[in-house]
Amino acid sequence: MAKIAILGFGTVGSGVYEVLCHNAASVSRRAGEPVEVKYILDPKDFTGNPVEPLVVKNIDVILQDPEIRVVVETIGGTRFAYPYVKACLESGRSVCTSNKEMVATYGAELLALAKEHGCAFLFEASVGGGTPIITPMHQCLAANVITEVEGIVNGTTNFMLTKMVREGLGFEDALQIAQELGYAETKDPSDDVDGRDACRKIAILSSMVCGHQIYPQNIPTRGIRAITAADVASAEKLGCVIKLIAWMKLGKDGSVAAGVEPCLVPKANQLASVDDVFNAVLVKGDMLGDVVFYGKGAGKLPTASAVVADVVDALKNGAQVHDSLFWQPADPVDGMLTDPAPAAYYVRVAGIAPAVVEAIYGYGKVVDERYEGCAYFVKRADERALAVAARKVEAVGGSVKLVLKRLPEEV
């Protein structure tokens, strides 16, 4: 009998308990022994709840019990989760988490602690929710040098953009629907709509690909607040849809570029058809070529199922998993991990005439004219050229309201 503890009994934590109860026989068969929750650490009052006998208020109860072999962390954030997880690993207990902020910030340190103390630190649910991506990347694709990763990794913004495309909604209306359905936080949806959630996820994948810690603060990140219904209509004219794309590239010289930004995605591109709350991550390997991982990126039971799969892996394989799942510590770099490669861009400019926009940006075409400015498609430019153009726009009394990179036709 394997005894485990759950830290945090919110949406995902309670989902883990539910999965372990509902699929007890299946989990036991795969783990090679029955798996039982002995403790739940949570400050809330559980009087009358069936789990009340399991609830404890102090982490020391768990740390001092030699029967606990695996700890599931679903508290979120880093204030409490990080010191608790660190203490668990230092005591030789494996940890399975869905906490993307903690992994993106402290991943290298926690992986090293797991190796040092002969246990596992696993985080499959931190990036794809219920969609496997971590394990396939470090196991199934081990024979490949991965050069690029790009995808849709935030279900909330993808749902909102899908609503904007299908129903012609503006940002605020789409956000309200997402909040009503529980896809977006009611109090503060900024982690999703401003791209921070996606940034943490691509930071984790980038660290895996590069073999050293890549920090979220070094990844240029923009969300979808500036996207309007008119932008969605202009994208349609260009044969594209707008998606929030998280991406990273590994150069032949070992250089790294990464970003989170809304992009024009041509309808021929595989990511264009990923709608609603679904996620998709495309991984480019030198031997395999392109492979896409697709599924629901969030939700109580999909995410919990990924955490439980990690529990099984930790019980069966322990520290051995870190022969392939590991990256080295590194200091944050100075500046941002920008991509110098040229691309096609969509720009929305206000305050000046379309003819002036065309004269400034050069080779391209006007996509849409409005009383306050225009949308213009630039056939080829790099970030430096775009910055120069923006200064010219400002010099003649205009302003650049939005810049969207266009992805390749096919990936």
Protein backbone atom coordinates (compact mmCIF):
# COMPACT_ATOMS: atom_id res chain seq x y z
CA MET A 1 0.00 0.00 0.00
CA ALA A 2 1.44 3.35 -1.11
CA LYS A 3 0.39 6.24 1.11
CA ILE A 4 0.31 9.76 -0.36
CA ALA A 5 -0.60 13.28 0.76
CA ILE A 6 -2.34 16.09 -1.14
CA LEU A 7 -1.34 19.70 -0.48
CA GLY A 8 -4.25 21.98 -1.37
CA PHE A 9 -7.78 20.68 -1.86
CA GLY A 10 -9.15 23.07 -4.47
CA THR A 11 -10.20 22.21 -8.00
CA VAL A 12 -7.20 20.08 -8.99
CA GLY A 13 -6.49 18.66 -5.53
CA SER A 14 -10.04 17.42 -5.10
CA GLY A 15 -9.88 16.10 -8.66
CA VAL A 16 -6.81 14.02 -7.78
CA TYR A 17 -8.70 12.51 -4.84
CA GLU A 18 -11.69 11.81 -7.09
CA VAL A 19 -9.57 10.12 -9.77
CA LEU A 20 -7.80 7.96 -7.18
CA CYS A 21 -11.15 6.88 -5.71
CA HIS A 22 -12.99 6.35 -9.00
CA ASN A 23 -10.15 4.56 -10.80
CA ALA A 24 -8.62 2.86 -7.76
CA ALA A 25 -8.30 -0.57 -9.39
CA SER A 26 -6.72 0.78 -12.58
CA VAL A 27 -4.27 3.01 -10.71
CA SER A 28 -3.30 0.15 -8.37
CA ARG A 29 -2.65 -2.17 -11.30
CA ARG A 30 -0.40 0.34 -13.02
CA ALA A 31 1.42 1.34 -9.84
CA GLY A 32 1.90 -2.28 -8.78
CA GLU A 33 0.23 -1.62 -5.42
CA PRO A 34 -2.84 0.14 -4.01
CA VAL A 35 -2.54 3.94 -3.69
CA GLU A 36 -4.25 5.62 -0.75
CA VAL A 37 -4.56 9.26 0.31
CA LYS A 38 -3.58 9.48 3.98
CA TYR A 39 -3.47 13.26 4.43
CA ILE A 40 -4.96 16.39 2.88
CA LEU A 41 -3.27 19.66 3.86
CA ASP A 42 -5.68 22.58 3.58
CA PRO A 43 -6.56 25.49 5.91
CA LYS A 44 -10.29 25.45 5.04
CA ASP A 45 -12.98 24.03 7.30
CA PHE A 46 -14.06 20.55 6.16
CA THR A 47 -16.60 19.85 8.92
CA GLY A 48 -19.10 17.30 7.62
CA ASN A 49 -17.10 16.62 4.46
CA PRO A 50 -16.28 12.94 3.81
CA VAL A 51 -12.57 13.84 3.65
CA GLU A 52 -12.63 15.55 7.07
CA PRO A 53 -10.71 12.72 8.84
CA LEU A 54 -7.82 13.13 6.36
CA VAL A 55 -7.40 16.90 6.76
CA VAL A 56 -4.39 18.32 8.58
CA LYS A 57 -3.33 21.93 9.03
CA ASN A 58 0.44 21.54 9.47
CA ILE A 59 2.94 20.29 6.86
CA ASP A 60 5.05 18.78 9.66
CA VAL A 61 2.44 16.04 10.16
CA ILE A 62 3.19 14.85 6.62
CA LEU A 63 6.96 15.33 6.84
CA GLN A 64 7.16 13.32 10.08
CA ASP A 65 5.14 10.35 8.79
CA PRO A 66 7.48 7.71 7.28
CA GLU A 67 4.57 6.07 5.45
CA ILE A 68 4.13 9.00 3.04
CA ARG A 69 6.06 8.26 -0.17
CA VAL A 70 4.55 10.75 -2.61
CA VAL A 71 3.19 14.26 -2.07
CA VAL A 72 0.84 15.92 -4.56
CA GLU A 73 1.11 19.72 -4.61
CA THR A 74 -1.88 21.63 -6.00
CA ILE A 75 -1.75 24.77 -3.84
CA GLY A 76 -0.54 26.98 -6.70
CA GLY A 77 1.73 29.99 -6.59
CA THR A 78 5.07 29.90 -4.79
CA ARG A 79 4.57 31.49 -1.37
CA PHE A 80 3.60 28.25 0.39
CA ALA A 81 4.04 25.67 -2.37
CA TYR A 82 7.77 26.24 -2.92
CA PRO A 83 8.96 25.81 0.70
CA TYR A 84 6.59 22.86 1.23
CA VAL A 85 7.77 21.10 -1.93
CA LYS A 86 11.40 21.80 -1.12
CA ALA A 87 10.97 20.28 2.34
CA CYS A 88 9.24 17.20 0.91
CA LEU A 89 12.03 16.58 -1.61
CA GLU A 90 14.72 17.11 1.03
CA SER A 91 12.98 14.43 3.12
CA GLY A 92 13.22 11.99 0.20
CA ARG A 93 9.54 12.09 -0.74
CA SER A 94 8.59 12.38 -4.41
CA VAL A 95 6.45 15.36 -5.43
CA CYS A 96 3.93 15.60 -8.27
CA THR A 97 2.61 19.06 -9.10
CA SER A 98 0.46 21.02 -11.53
CA ASN A 99 2.08 24.30 -10.43
CA LYS A 100 3.49 25.98 -13.55
CA GLU A 101 4.67 29.12 -11.73
CA MET A 102 6.80 27.10 -9.32
CA VAL A 103 8.28 24.86 -12.02
CA ALA A 104 9.03 27.80 -14.33
CA THR A 105 10.76 29.72 -11.51
CA TYR A 106 12.43 27.02 -9.41
CA GLY A 107 12.48 23.98 -11.71
CA ALA A 108 16.25 23.50 -11.91
CA GLU A 109 16.66 23.73 -8.14
CA LEU A 110 13.82 21.30 -7.39
CA LEU A 111 14.99 18.79 -10.01
CA ALA A 112 18.48 18.86 -8.48
CA LEU A 113 17.02 18.29 -5.01
CA ALA A 114 15.05 15.29 -6.27
CA LYS A 115 18.18 13.73 -7.79
CA GLU A 116 20.21 14.44 -4.67
CA HIS A 117 17.67 12.84 -2.33
CA GLY A 118 16.71 9.86 -4.51
CA CYS A 119 13.14 10.85 -5.29
CA ALA A 120 11.13 12.27 -8.19
CA PHE A 121 9.86 15.76 -9.01
CA LEU A 122 7.20 15.46 -11.72
CA PHE A 123 5.03 18.12 -13.33
CA GLU A 124 3.23 16.75 -16.39
CA ALA A 125 0.07 18.74 -15.61
CA SER A 126 1.93 22.06 -15.39
CA VAL A 127 2.00 22.66 -19.15
CA GLY A 128 -0.67 20.69 -21.00
CA GLY A 129 -3.14 20.12 -18.19
CA GLY A 130 -4.57 16.76 -19.20
CA THR A 131 -2.65 16.66 -22.50
CA PRO A 132 0.68 14.79 -22.21
CA ILE A 133 3.66 16.83 -23.40
CA ILE A 134 6.41 16.66 -20.73
CA THR A 135 6.78 12.85 -20.74
CA PRO A 136 6.67 12.51 -24.55
CA MET A 137 9.34 15.20 -24.89
CA HIS A 138 11.87 13.68 -22.48
CA GLN A 139 11.13 10.00 -23.23
CA CYS A 140 9.49 9.37 -26.61
CA LEU A 141 11.47 12.08 -28.42
CA ALA A 142 14.76 11.32 -26.68
CA ALA A 143 16.43 10.36 -29.98
CA ASN A 144 15.65 13.77 -31.47
CA VAL A 145 17.26 17.15 -31.19
CA ILE A 146 14.26 19.42 -30.70
CA THR A 147 14.72 22.71 -32.53
CA GLU A 148 11.30 24.35 -32.23
CA VAL A 149 8.21 24.26 -30.06
CA GLU A 150 5.11 26.31 -30.72
CA GLY A 151 1.55 25.99 -29.72
CA ILE A 152 -1.66 27.10 -28.09
CA VAL A 153 -1.20 26.45 -24.38
CA ASN A 154 -3.89 28.58 -22.75
CA GLY A 155 -7.45 27.32 -23.06
CA THR A 156 -9.07 30.51 -21.71
CA THR A 157 -7.70 32.82 -24.39
CA ASN A 158 -8.26 30.23 -27.11
CA PHE A 159 -11.91 29.97 -26.07
CA MET A 160 -12.21 33.77 -26.14
CA LEU A 161 -10.59 34.12 -29.56
CA THR A 162 -12.83 31.35 -30.91
CA LYS A 163 -15.87 33.29 -29.69
CA MET A 164 -14.54 36.46 -31.31
CA VAL A 165 -14.11 34.65 -34.63
CA ARG A 166 -17.40 32.74 -34.66
CA GLU A 167 -19.70 35.37 -33.14
CA GLY A 168 -17.95 38.65 -33.96
CA LEU A 169 -17.59 39.52 -30.27
CA GLY A 170 -15.20 42.09 -28.84
CA PHE A 171 -12.64 41.28 -26.17
CA GLU A 172 -14.76 42.35 -23.18
CA ASP A 173 -17.84 40.37 -24.29
CA ALA A 174 -15.76 37.26 -24.94
CA LEU A 175 -14.10 37.63 -21.53
CA GLN A 176 -17.45 37.94 -19.79
CA ILE A 177 -18.66 34.68 -21.34
CA ALA A 178 -15.42 32.93 -20.37
CA GLN A 179 -15.87 34.15 -16.80
CA GLU A 180 -19.51 33.06 -16.67
CA LEU A 181 -18.50 29.56 -17.80
CA GLY A 182 -15.65 29.37 -15.28
CA TYR A 183 -12.88 29.40 -17.89
CA ALA A 184 -11.52 32.78 -16.76
CA GLU A 185 -10.98 34.12 -13.26
CA THR A 186 -13.73 36.55 -12.24
CA LYS A 187 -11.59 38.74 -9.97
CA ASP A 188 -8.40 38.95 -12.01
CA PRO A 189 -8.10 37.18 -15.39
CA SER A 190 -4.77 38.86 -16.21
CA ASP A 191 -2.61 35.71 -15.93
CA ASP A 192 -4.56 34.27 -18.85
CA VAL A 193 -5.42 37.28 -21.02
CA ASP A 194 -2.05 39.01 -20.60
CA GLY A 195 -0.11 35.87 -21.49
CA ARG A 196 1.64 35.13 -18.18
CA ASP A 197 0.18 31.63 -17.91
CA ALA A 198 1.39 30.76 -21.41
CA CYS A 199 4.76 32.36 -20.68
CA ARG A 200 5.37 30.08 -17.69
CA LYS A 201 4.47 27.04 -19.77
CA ILE A 202 6.80 27.86 -22.66
CA ALA A 203 9.53 28.66 -20.12
CA ILE A 204 9.23 25.09 -18.82
CA LEU A 205 9.33 23.56 -22.30
CA SER A 206 12.23 25.82 -23.28
CA SER A 207 14.19 24.70 -20.21
CA MET A 208 13.65 21.07 -21.22
CA VAL A 209 14.77 21.68 -24.79
CA CYS A 210 17.82 23.79 -23.89
CA GLY A 211 18.94 21.79 -20.89
CA HIS A 212 19.21 24.84 -18.63
CA GLN A 213 16.78 27.12 -16.82
CA ILE A 214 14.93 29.61 -19.02
CA TYR A 215 13.16 32.24 -16.95
CA PRO A 216 9.71 33.74 -17.70
CA GLN A 217 11.04 37.27 -17.20
CA ASN A 218 13.33 36.82 -20.22
CA ILE A 219 10.49 35.81 -22.55
CA PRO A 220 8.75 38.67 -24.42
CA THR A 221 5.06 38.30 -23.58
CA ARG A 222 1.91 39.95 -24.91
CA GLY A 223 -1.68 38.92 -24.35
CA ILE A 224 -4.89 39.44 -26.29
CA ARG A 225 -6.38 42.58 -24.69
CA ALA A 226 -5.57 44.71 -27.77
CA ILE A 227 -7.37 42.37 -30.20
CA THR A 228 -10.61 43.82 -31.59
CA ALA A 229 -13.44 42.38 -33.65
CA ALA A 230 -12.09 44.44 -36.56
CA ASP A 231 -8.70 42.73 -36.23
CA VAL A 232 -10.42 39.35 -36.35
CA ALA A 233 -12.25 40.42 -39.53
CA SER A 234 -9.00 41.67 -41.08
CA ALA A 235 -7.33 38.34 -40.30
CA GLU A 236 -10.16 36.59 -42.13
CA LYS A 237 -9.48 38.73 -45.20
CA LEU A 238 -5.89 37.49 -45.10
CA GLY A 239 -7.00 33.85 -44.82
CA CYS A 240 -5.96 33.65 -41.18
CA VAL A 241 -7.28 33.39 -37.65
CA ILE A 242 -5.76 35.02 -34.56
CA LYS A 243 -4.34 32.71 -31.90
CA LEU A 244 -2.22 33.30 -28.80
CA ILE A 245 0.97 31.42 -29.66
CA ALA A 246 3.73 30.40 -27.25
CA TRP A 247 6.91 29.47 -29.08
CA MET A 248 10.61 28.80 -28.72
CA LYS A 249 13.49 28.17 -31.15
CA LEU A 250 16.89 26.63 -30.53
CA GLY A 251 19.55 27.91 -32.91
CA LYS A 252 22.37 25.80 -34.33
CA ASP A 253 24.77 27.88 -32.25
CA GLY A 254 22.83 27.11 -29.08
CA SER A 255 21.05 30.47 -29.02
CA VAL A 256 17.52 30.54 -27.68
CA ALA A 257 14.57 32.67 -28.74
CA ALA A 258 11.13 32.47 -27.18
CA GLY A 259 7.92 34.45 -26.95
CA VAL A 260 4.21 34.60 -26.24
CA GLU A 261 2.17 36.74 -28.60
CA PRO A 262 -1.07 36.82 -30.57
CA CYS A 263 -0.29 35.79 -34.14
CA LEU A 264 -1.98 35.51 -37.51
CA VAL A 265 -2.26 31.79 -38.17
CA PRO A 266 -2.97 30.82 -41.81
CA LYS A 267 -5.87 28.41 -42.11
CA ALA A 268 -3.56 25.84 -43.75
CA ASN A 269 -1.52 25.74 -40.52
CA GLN A 270 -2.44 22.90 -38.15
CA LEU A 271 -2.84 25.27 -35.21
CA ALA A 272 -5.56 27.31 -36.96
CA SER A 273 -8.19 24.63 -36.37
CA VAL A 274 -7.52 24.30 -32.63
CA ASP A 275 -10.58 25.94 -31.09
CA ASP A 276 -12.43 26.50 -27.82
CA VAL A 277 -10.59 25.35 -24.67
CA PHE A 278 -8.40 22.88 -26.52
CA ASN A 279 -4.62 23.15 -26.57
CA ALA A 280 -2.11 21.96 -29.14
CA VAL A 281 1.68 21.90 -28.97
CA LEU A 282 3.78 21.31 -32.08
CA VAL A 283 7.28 19.94 -31.52
CA LYS A 284 9.85 19.87 -34.31
CA GLY A 285 12.52 17.15 -34.05
CA ASP A 286 15.47 16.70 -36.36
CA MET A 287 14.71 12.99 -37.01
CA LEU A 288 10.95 12.75 -36.56
CA GLY A 289 9.95 16.06 -38.06
CA ASP A 290 6.76 17.64 -36.73
CA VAL A 291 4.54 16.05 -34.10
CA VAL A 292 1.48 17.66 -32.52
CA PHE A 293 0.05 16.98 -29.05
CA TYR A 294 -3.63 17.94 -28.83
CA GLY A 295 -6.23 17.86 -26.08
CA LYS A 296 -7.95 19.74 -23.30
CA GLY A 297 -5.45 21.97 -21.55
CA ALA A 298 -7.38 22.54 -18.36
CA GLY A 299 -10.31 21.27 -16.33
CA LYS A 300 -10.54 19.49 -13.02
CA LEU A 301 -10.43 15.85 -14.07
CA PRO A 302 -8.18 16.13 -17.17
CA THR A 303 -5.53 17.95 -15.09
CA ALA A 304 -5.98 15.61 -12.14
CA SER A 305 -5.54 12.58 -14.39
CA ALA A 306 -2.12 13.89 -15.46
CA VAL A 307 -1.12 14.40 -11.81
CA VAL A 308 -2.20 10.86 -10.92
CA ALA A 309 -0.20 9.49 -13.86
CA ASP A 310 2.84 11.24 -12.35
CA VAL A 311 2.08 9.64 -8.98
CA VAL A 312 2.19 6.22 -10.64
CA ASP A 313 5.45 7.13 -12.40
CA ALA A 314 7.00 8.34 -9.14
CA LEU A 315 6.06 5.15 -7.30
CA LYS A 316 7.37 2.87 -10.04
CA ASN A 317 10.49 4.72 -11.17
CA GLY A 318 11.43 7.25 -8.49
CA ALA A 319 14.62 9.21 -9.16
CA GLN A 320 15.38 7.11 -12.25
CA VAL A 321 13.03 9.38 -14.25
CA HIS A 322 15.56 12.19 -13.86
CA ASP A 323 18.06 10.43 -16.09
CA SER A 324 16.15 12.19 -18.89
CA LEU A 325 13.94 14.76 -17.12
CA PHE A 326 16.44 17.32 -15.94
CA TRP A 327 17.88 20.75 -16.68
CA GLN A 328 20.77 22.69 -15.22
CA PRO A 329 20.55 25.86 -13.10
CA ALA A 330 21.37 29.11 -14.90
CA ASP A 331 21.14 32.80 -14.15
CA PRO A 332 18.58 34.96 -15.94
CA VAL A 333 20.04 36.60 -19.03
CA ASP A 334 20.23 40.33 -19.61
CA GLY A 335 17.45 41.44 -21.94
CA MET A 336 14.86 39.41 -23.78
CA LEU A 337 15.07 36.23 -25.86
CA THR A 338 13.89 37.85 -29.10
CA ASP A 339 13.96 36.29 -32.56
CA PRO A 340 15.89 38.35 -35.15
CA ALA A 341 14.46 36.42 -38.12
CA PRO A 342 12.22 38.40 -40.51
CA ALA A 343 8.55 37.52 -40.94
CA ALA A 344 5.32 38.87 -42.35
CA TYR A 345 3.38 41.18 -40.03
CA TYR A 346 -0.06 42.71 -39.61
CA VAL A 347 -0.01 46.23 -38.14
CA ARG A 348 -2.91 48.43 -37.06
CA VAL A 349 -2.07 52.12 -37.13
CA ALA A 350 -4.19 55.07 -35.93
CA GLY A 351 -3.98 58.76 -36.64
CA ILE A 352 -2.49 58.80 -40.16
CA ALA A 353 -3.73 58.09 -43.67
CA PRO A 354 -3.26 54.68 -45.34
CA ALA A 355 -0.99 56.21 -47.98
CA VAL A 356 1.37 57.42 -45.26
CA VAL A 357 1.32 53.99 -43.59
CA GLU A 358 2.20 52.38 -46.92
CA ALA A 359 5.04 54.84 -47.48
CA ILE A 360 6.48 54.08 -44.04
CA TYR A 361 6.17 50.29 -44.01
CA GLY A 362 6.94 49.66 -47.67
CA TYR A 363 6.20 46.40 -49.45
CA GLY A 364 2.74 45.21 -48.42
CA LYS A 365 -0.93 46.07 -48.74
CA VAL A 366 -3.75 47.86 -46.96
CA VAL A 367 -6.10 45.30 -45.42
CA ASP A 368 -8.75 47.59 -43.97
CA GLU A 369 -9.31 51.34 -43.92
CA ARG A 370 -11.06 53.03 -41.02
CA TYR A 371 -11.79 56.62 -40.10
CA GLU A 372 -9.13 56.49 -37.38
CA GLY A 373 -6.44 54.76 -39.42
CA CYS A 374 -5.89 51.46 -41.18
CA ALA A 375 -4.72 47.87 -40.97
CA TYR A 376 -1.69 47.08 -43.11
CA PHE A 377 -0.04 43.79 -44.03
CA VAL A 378 3.76 43.98 -44.21
CA LYS A 379 5.18 41.23 -46.43
CA ARG A 380 8.57 41.04 -44.74
CA ALA A 381 10.19 42.82 -41.79
CA ASP A 382 12.21 42.14 -38.66
CA GLU A 383 11.79 43.60 -35.19
CA ARG A 384 14.34 46.31 -35.82
CA ALA A 385 12.57 47.48 -38.99
CA LEU A 386 9.24 47.47 -37.16
CA ALA A 387 10.70 49.61 -34.37
CA VAL A 388 12.05 52.12 -36.90
CA ALA A 389 8.66 52.25 -38.65
CA ALA A 390 6.86 52.81 -35.33
CA ARG A 391 9.07 55.80 -34.58
CA LYS A 392 8.30 57.24 -38.01
CA VAL A 393 4.57 56.75 -37.42
CA GLU A 394 4.84 58.64 -34.13
CA ALA A 395 6.88 61.40 -35.76
CA VAL A 396 4.00 62.20 -38.13
CA GLY A 397 1.36 62.15 -35.37
CA GLY A 398 0.19 58.56 -35.55
CA SER A 399 0.46 55.55 -33.25
CA VAL A 400 0.88 51.81 -33.72
CA LYS A 401 -1.95 50.05 -31.89
CA LEU A 402 -1.22 46.41 -32.72
CA VAL A 403 1.46 44.26 -34.34
CA LEU A 404 0.83 40.59 -35.16
CA LYS A 405 3.35 38.22 -36.68
CA ARG A 406 2.06 35.78 -39.29
CA LEU A 407 3.05 32.16 -38.87
CA PRO A 408 4.10 30.08 -41.92
CA GLU A 409 1.38 28.64 -44.13
CA GLU A 410 2.17 25.10 -43.04
CA VAL A 411 4.16 23.64 -40.18
